[in-house]
N, C-alpha and C. Protein backbone atom coordinates (compact mmCIF):
# COMPACT_ATOMS: atom_id res chain seq x y z
N MET A 1 85.72 -23.07 -3.87
CA MET A 1 84.75 -22.14 -3.38
C MET A 1 85.45 -20.84 -2.97
N ARG A 2 84.83 -19.75 -3.30
CA ARG A 2 85.40 -18.44 -3.02
C ARG A 2 85.16 -18.05 -1.56
N THR A 3 86.18 -17.46 -0.93
CA THR A 3 86.03 -17.04 0.45
C THR A 3 85.24 -15.72 0.51
N PRO A 4 84.41 -15.57 1.50
CA PRO A 4 83.62 -14.34 1.61
C PRO A 4 84.53 -13.15 1.97
N PRO A 5 84.14 -11.95 1.55
CA PRO A 5 84.97 -10.78 1.89
C PRO A 5 84.91 -10.48 3.39
N SER A 6 85.96 -9.87 3.87
CA SER A 6 86.00 -9.55 5.29
C SER A 6 85.10 -8.35 5.58
N LEU A 7 84.80 -8.17 6.83
CA LEU A 7 83.98 -7.04 7.25
C LEU A 7 84.68 -5.72 6.94
N LEU A 8 85.99 -5.68 7.11
CA LEU A 8 86.77 -4.48 6.80
C LEU A 8 86.68 -4.15 5.31
N SER A 9 86.80 -5.16 4.47
CA SER A 9 86.71 -4.95 3.03
C SER A 9 85.34 -4.43 2.61
N LEU A 10 84.30 -5.00 3.19
CA LEU A 10 82.94 -4.53 2.89
C LEU A 10 82.73 -3.09 3.37
N THR A 11 83.28 -2.76 4.53
CA THR A 11 83.15 -1.41 5.07
C THR A 11 83.86 -0.39 4.19
N ILE A 12 85.05 -0.73 3.73
CA ILE A 12 85.79 0.19 2.85
C ILE A 12 85.06 0.36 1.53
N ASP A 13 84.51 -0.72 0.99
CA ASP A 13 83.73 -0.62 -0.26
C ASP A 13 82.54 0.31 -0.09
N LYS A 14 81.83 0.22 1.03
CA LYS A 14 80.69 1.10 1.29
C LYS A 14 81.15 2.55 1.49
N ALA A 15 82.29 2.72 2.15
CA ALA A 15 82.82 4.07 2.36
C ALA A 15 83.18 4.73 1.04
N VAL A 16 83.71 3.96 0.10
CA VAL A 16 84.04 4.50 -1.23
C VAL A 16 82.77 5.01 -1.91
N LEU A 17 81.69 4.28 -1.79
CA LEU A 17 80.44 4.68 -2.42
C LEU A 17 79.83 5.92 -1.77
N ASN A 18 80.09 6.13 -0.49
CA ASN A 18 79.48 7.24 0.25
C ASN A 18 80.49 8.28 0.70
N LEU A 19 81.63 8.35 0.04
CA LEU A 19 82.71 9.24 0.47
C LEU A 19 82.33 10.71 0.40
N SER A 20 81.43 11.07 -0.49
CA SER A 20 81.04 12.47 -0.60
C SER A 20 80.23 12.94 0.60
N HIS A 21 79.73 12.02 1.41
CA HIS A 21 78.95 12.36 2.59
C HIS A 21 79.78 12.33 3.88
N ILE A 22 81.04 12.00 3.76
CA ILE A 22 81.93 11.91 4.93
C ILE A 22 82.67 13.24 5.07
N SER A 23 82.78 13.74 6.30
CA SER A 23 83.39 15.05 6.50
C SER A 23 84.81 15.00 7.07
N ASP A 24 85.21 13.88 7.66
CA ASP A 24 86.54 13.80 8.28
C ASP A 24 87.07 12.38 8.20
N LEU A 25 88.28 12.26 7.68
CA LEU A 25 88.92 10.94 7.57
C LEU A 25 90.13 10.80 8.49
N SER A 26 90.42 11.83 9.27
CA SER A 26 91.65 11.83 10.06
C SER A 26 91.66 10.80 11.18
N ILE A 27 90.51 10.28 11.57
CA ILE A 27 90.48 9.29 12.66
C ILE A 27 90.83 7.88 12.19
N LEU A 28 90.89 7.68 10.89
CA LEU A 28 91.17 6.34 10.36
C LEU A 28 92.65 5.99 10.51
N PRO A 29 92.96 4.74 10.80
CA PRO A 29 94.36 4.31 10.82
C PRO A 29 94.98 4.42 9.42
N ASP A 30 96.29 4.55 9.40
CA ASP A 30 97.01 4.80 8.14
C ASP A 30 96.74 3.74 7.08
N HIS A 31 96.79 2.46 7.46
CA HIS A 31 96.63 1.39 6.46
C HIS A 31 95.22 1.37 5.88
N ILE A 32 94.22 1.69 6.68
CA ILE A 32 92.84 1.73 6.18
C ILE A 32 92.65 2.94 5.29
N LEU A 33 93.22 4.08 5.68
CA LEU A 33 93.11 5.30 4.87
C LEU A 33 93.77 5.12 3.51
N LEU A 34 94.92 4.49 3.48
CA LEU A 34 95.60 4.25 2.22
C LEU A 34 94.81 3.28 1.34
N ASP A 35 94.25 2.25 1.94
CA ASP A 35 93.41 1.30 1.18
C ASP A 35 92.16 2.00 0.64
N LEU A 36 91.56 2.86 1.44
CA LEU A 36 90.40 3.63 1.01
C LEU A 36 90.75 4.55 -0.15
N PHE A 37 91.91 5.19 -0.08
CA PHE A 37 92.35 6.07 -1.16
C PHE A 37 92.56 5.29 -2.46
N LEU A 38 93.22 4.15 -2.38
CA LEU A 38 93.47 3.34 -3.58
C LEU A 38 92.18 2.81 -4.18
N ARG A 39 91.26 2.38 -3.33
CA ARG A 39 89.97 1.89 -3.84
C ARG A 39 89.14 3.02 -4.43
N THR A 40 89.27 4.22 -3.88
CA THR A 40 88.58 5.39 -4.43
C THR A 40 89.11 5.68 -5.83
N LEU A 41 90.42 5.60 -5.99
CA LEU A 41 91.01 5.80 -7.32
C LEU A 41 90.53 4.74 -8.30
N ASN A 42 90.54 3.49 -7.87
CA ASN A 42 90.12 2.39 -8.76
C ASN A 42 88.66 2.50 -9.15
N ALA A 43 87.84 3.03 -8.26
CA ALA A 43 86.41 3.17 -8.56
C ALA A 43 86.11 4.42 -9.38
N GLY A 44 87.11 5.29 -9.56
CA GLY A 44 86.90 6.52 -10.31
C GLY A 44 86.08 7.54 -9.55
N LYS A 45 86.15 7.52 -8.23
CA LYS A 45 85.33 8.39 -7.39
C LYS A 45 86.11 9.56 -6.79
N LEU A 46 87.33 9.80 -7.27
CA LEU A 46 88.14 10.88 -6.71
C LEU A 46 87.71 12.21 -7.32
N THR A 47 87.01 12.99 -6.54
CA THR A 47 86.59 14.33 -6.96
C THR A 47 87.43 15.35 -6.19
N GLU A 48 87.23 16.61 -6.51
CA GLU A 48 87.97 17.67 -5.82
C GLU A 48 87.65 17.67 -4.32
N LYS A 49 86.38 17.49 -3.98
CA LYS A 49 85.98 17.45 -2.57
C LYS A 49 86.60 16.26 -1.84
N VAL A 50 86.60 15.12 -2.48
CA VAL A 50 87.17 13.91 -1.87
C VAL A 50 88.68 14.04 -1.74
N LEU A 51 89.32 14.63 -2.73
CA LEU A 51 90.77 14.86 -2.66
C LEU A 51 91.11 15.76 -1.48
N LYS A 52 90.32 16.80 -1.26
CA LYS A 52 90.54 17.69 -0.12
C LYS A 52 90.39 16.94 1.20
N LEU A 53 89.45 15.99 1.25
CA LEU A 53 89.29 15.16 2.45
C LEU A 53 90.56 14.38 2.77
N PHE A 54 91.12 13.76 1.74
CA PHE A 54 92.33 12.97 1.95
C PHE A 54 93.52 13.86 2.31
N ILE A 55 93.64 15.01 1.67
CA ILE A 55 94.74 15.92 1.98
C ILE A 55 94.61 16.46 3.40
N ALA A 56 93.39 16.73 3.83
CA ALA A 56 93.15 17.28 5.17
C ALA A 56 93.58 16.33 6.29
N THR A 57 93.72 15.06 6.00
CA THR A 57 94.16 14.12 7.04
C THR A 57 95.61 14.38 7.44
N GLY A 58 96.41 14.87 6.50
CA GLY A 58 97.81 15.14 6.80
C GLY A 58 98.66 13.90 6.95
N LYS A 59 98.14 12.75 6.58
CA LYS A 59 98.90 11.50 6.71
C LYS A 59 99.96 11.42 5.60
N ASP A 60 101.18 11.10 6.00
CA ASP A 60 102.31 11.11 5.07
C ASP A 60 102.14 10.14 3.91
N GLU A 61 101.63 8.95 4.19
CA GLU A 61 101.50 7.94 3.13
C GLU A 61 100.54 8.40 2.04
N VAL A 62 99.43 9.00 2.44
CA VAL A 62 98.44 9.47 1.47
C VAL A 62 98.98 10.66 0.70
N LEU A 63 99.61 11.59 1.41
CA LEU A 63 100.19 12.76 0.73
C LEU A 63 101.28 12.35 -0.25
N PHE A 64 102.08 11.36 0.13
CA PHE A 64 103.11 10.86 -0.77
C PHE A 64 102.49 10.21 -2.00
N MET A 65 101.41 9.45 -1.81
CA MET A 65 100.74 8.79 -2.93
C MET A 65 100.14 9.83 -3.88
N ILE A 66 99.55 10.88 -3.34
CA ILE A 66 98.98 11.94 -4.16
C ILE A 66 100.08 12.62 -4.97
N GLN A 67 101.21 12.87 -4.32
CA GLN A 67 102.33 13.51 -5.01
C GLN A 67 102.94 12.57 -6.04
N ALA A 68 103.08 11.30 -5.72
CA ALA A 68 103.68 10.33 -6.64
C ALA A 68 102.82 10.14 -7.89
N LEU A 69 101.50 10.21 -7.73
CA LEU A 69 100.60 10.06 -8.88
C LEU A 69 100.36 11.39 -9.59
N ASN A 70 101.01 12.45 -9.10
CA ASN A 70 100.93 13.78 -9.70
C ASN A 70 99.48 14.29 -9.75
N ILE A 71 98.74 14.07 -8.69
CA ILE A 71 97.36 14.53 -8.58
C ILE A 71 97.39 15.94 -8.00
N LYS A 72 96.75 16.87 -8.69
CA LYS A 72 96.78 18.27 -8.25
C LYS A 72 95.37 18.83 -8.17
N HIS A 73 95.24 19.87 -7.35
CA HIS A 73 93.97 20.59 -7.26
C HIS A 73 93.69 21.29 -8.58
N ILE A 74 92.45 21.34 -8.94
CA ILE A 74 92.04 22.11 -10.10
C ILE A 74 91.75 23.52 -9.62
N LEU A 75 92.49 24.46 -10.14
CA LEU A 75 92.29 25.84 -9.74
C LEU A 75 91.35 26.50 -10.75
N THR A 76 90.15 26.76 -10.32
CA THR A 76 89.16 27.40 -11.17
C THR A 76 89.27 28.90 -11.00
N PRO A 77 89.54 29.62 -12.08
CA PRO A 77 89.65 31.07 -11.93
C PRO A 77 88.30 31.69 -11.60
N VAL A 78 88.35 32.68 -10.75
CA VAL A 78 87.14 33.39 -10.37
C VAL A 78 87.21 34.77 -10.99
N LEU A 79 86.25 35.07 -11.85
CA LEU A 79 86.19 36.37 -12.49
C LEU A 79 85.37 37.32 -11.65
N PRO A 80 85.80 38.58 -11.60
CA PRO A 80 85.00 39.53 -10.83
C PRO A 80 83.64 39.74 -11.47
N THR A 81 82.64 39.87 -10.65
CA THR A 81 81.28 40.06 -11.19
C THR A 81 80.86 41.52 -11.18
N ARG A 82 81.68 42.34 -10.51
CA ARG A 82 81.33 43.76 -10.44
C ARG A 82 82.61 44.57 -10.44
N CYS A 83 82.61 45.62 -11.18
CA CYS A 83 83.76 46.52 -11.21
C CYS A 83 83.49 47.68 -10.26
N SER A 84 84.41 47.93 -9.37
CA SER A 84 84.19 49.03 -8.44
C SER A 84 84.62 50.37 -9.04
N GLU A 85 85.48 50.32 -10.02
CA GLU A 85 85.94 51.55 -10.67
C GLU A 85 85.02 51.91 -11.83
N LYS A 86 84.80 53.19 -12.00
CA LYS A 86 83.97 53.65 -13.11
C LYS A 86 84.87 54.00 -14.27
N PHE A 87 84.44 53.65 -15.43
CA PHE A 87 85.23 53.93 -16.63
C PHE A 87 84.77 55.17 -17.32
């Protein structure tokens, strides 16, 4: 018989599904934050906004994981919409 998942595991799974609605992850303990990051990657839910959330925590383990996996911000160029100089 299979053992039921723990409350922590269920909570992290729900957090992965609703990560786009969370504004701050810095209050989470390091081991939970790292588990949340890995589960987010496995679920394919890592977006630019979610990546910024994890980077904003400043936790060394998460920053190291991001660097080790070579995950980078996507820099979208912004084109000017108006020219101030007259030609």
